[in-house]
């Protein structure tokens, strides 16, 4: 069976009407939120693991390298 060819790719970015509603965008949170890498351990903030964490300006928070830049996105792929 032959794999279908891609006819068109569409991407949609949604934005909430209210600032406190984040939907599936779980990364657009305050710098102090745990998912942003703010996990205290014995009174100290632990560094996060990400591709850019070797650089000091990107080692503290996931948002520093743009994890929250796009928001919630849906990608639709249409086959021929």
Protein backbone atom coordinates (compact mmCIF):
# COMPACT_ATOMS: atom_id res chain seq x y z
CA UNK A 1 0.00 0.00 0.00
CA UNK A 2 1.36 3.36 -1.01
CA UNK A 3 1.48 6.16 1.55
CA UNK A 4 -0.82 9.07 0.54
CA UNK A 5 0.77 12.28 -0.65
CA UNK A 6 0.28 15.43 1.37
CA UNK A 7 -2.03 17.86 -0.38
CA UNK A 8 -2.02 20.71 2.13
CA UNK A 9 -0.84 21.56 5.65
CA UNK A 10 -2.71 24.12 7.74
CA UNK A 11 -1.78 25.46 11.19
CA UNK A 12 -4.08 27.30 13.57
CA UNK A 13 -3.05 29.21 16.69
CA UNK A 14 -5.77 29.89 19.22
CA UNK A 15 -5.82 32.60 21.83
CA UNK A 16 -8.08 32.70 24.86
CA UNK A 17 -10.63 35.49 25.13
CA UNK A 18 -9.81 35.88 28.83
CA UNK A 19 -6.29 36.09 30.25
CA UNK A 20 -6.86 33.49 32.99
CA UNK A 21 -8.03 30.81 30.54
CA UNK A 22 -5.07 29.00 29.06
CA UNK A 23 -6.65 25.87 27.60
CA UNK A 24 -4.01 23.43 26.39
CA UNK A 25 -1.23 26.00 26.58
CA UNK A 26 0.23 24.72 29.83
CA UNK A 27 3.53 26.59 29.39
CA UNK A 28 2.23 30.16 29.37
CA UNK A 29 2.45 30.52 33.14
CA UNK A 30 4.24 32.73 35.65
CA UNK A 31 8.00 32.35 36.09
CA UNK A 32 7.33 30.97 39.56
CA UNK A 33 5.09 28.10 38.31
CA UNK A 34 6.56 24.60 38.66
CA UNK A 35 6.11 23.70 34.97
CA UNK A 36 8.30 26.65 34.02
CA UNK A 37 11.17 24.99 35.88
CA UNK A 38 10.80 26.68 39.24
CA UNK A 39 11.22 23.66 41.50
CA UNK A 40 12.67 24.60 44.88
CA UNK A 41 14.92 22.03 46.53
CA UNK A 42 16.15 22.68 50.07
CA UNK A 43 15.61 26.43 49.62
CA UNK A 44 17.44 26.60 46.28
CA UNK A 45 16.08 26.78 42.73
CA UNK A 46 17.18 23.84 40.61
CA UNK A 47 18.29 24.41 37.00
CA UNK A 48 16.10 23.06 34.22
CA UNK A 49 17.04 20.66 31.44
CA UNK A 50 16.50 22.07 27.97
CA UNK A 51 18.57 22.30 24.78
CA UNK A 52 19.81 25.78 25.69
CA UNK A 53 20.44 25.32 29.40
CA UNK A 54 24.20 25.34 28.86
CA UNK A 55 23.81 29.11 28.41
CA UNK A 56 23.23 30.94 31.74
CA UNK A 57 20.52 33.23 30.34
CA UNK A 58 18.42 30.18 29.34
CA UNK A 59 19.09 27.86 32.30
CA UNK A 60 16.66 29.36 34.82
CA UNK A 61 13.20 29.24 33.19
CA UNK A 62 11.74 27.38 30.23
CA UNK A 63 10.05 30.60 29.11
CA UNK A 64 13.49 32.20 28.64
CA UNK A 65 14.00 30.25 25.42
CA UNK A 66 10.45 30.67 24.12
CA UNK A 67 8.47 27.62 25.25
CA UNK A 68 5.41 29.88 25.55
CA UNK A 69 5.93 31.82 22.32
CA UNK A 70 3.38 30.08 20.11
CA UNK A 71 0.58 29.11 22.46
CA UNK A 72 -1.93 26.41 21.63
CA UNK A 73 -1.61 25.16 18.08
CA UNK A 74 -3.49 22.70 15.90
CA UNK A 75 -1.92 21.34 12.72
CA UNK A 76 -4.14 19.82 10.04
CA UNK A 77 -2.60 17.66 7.32
CA UNK A 78 -4.77 16.89 4.28
CA UNK A 79 -3.94 13.96 2.02
CA UNK A 80 -4.72 13.71 -1.67
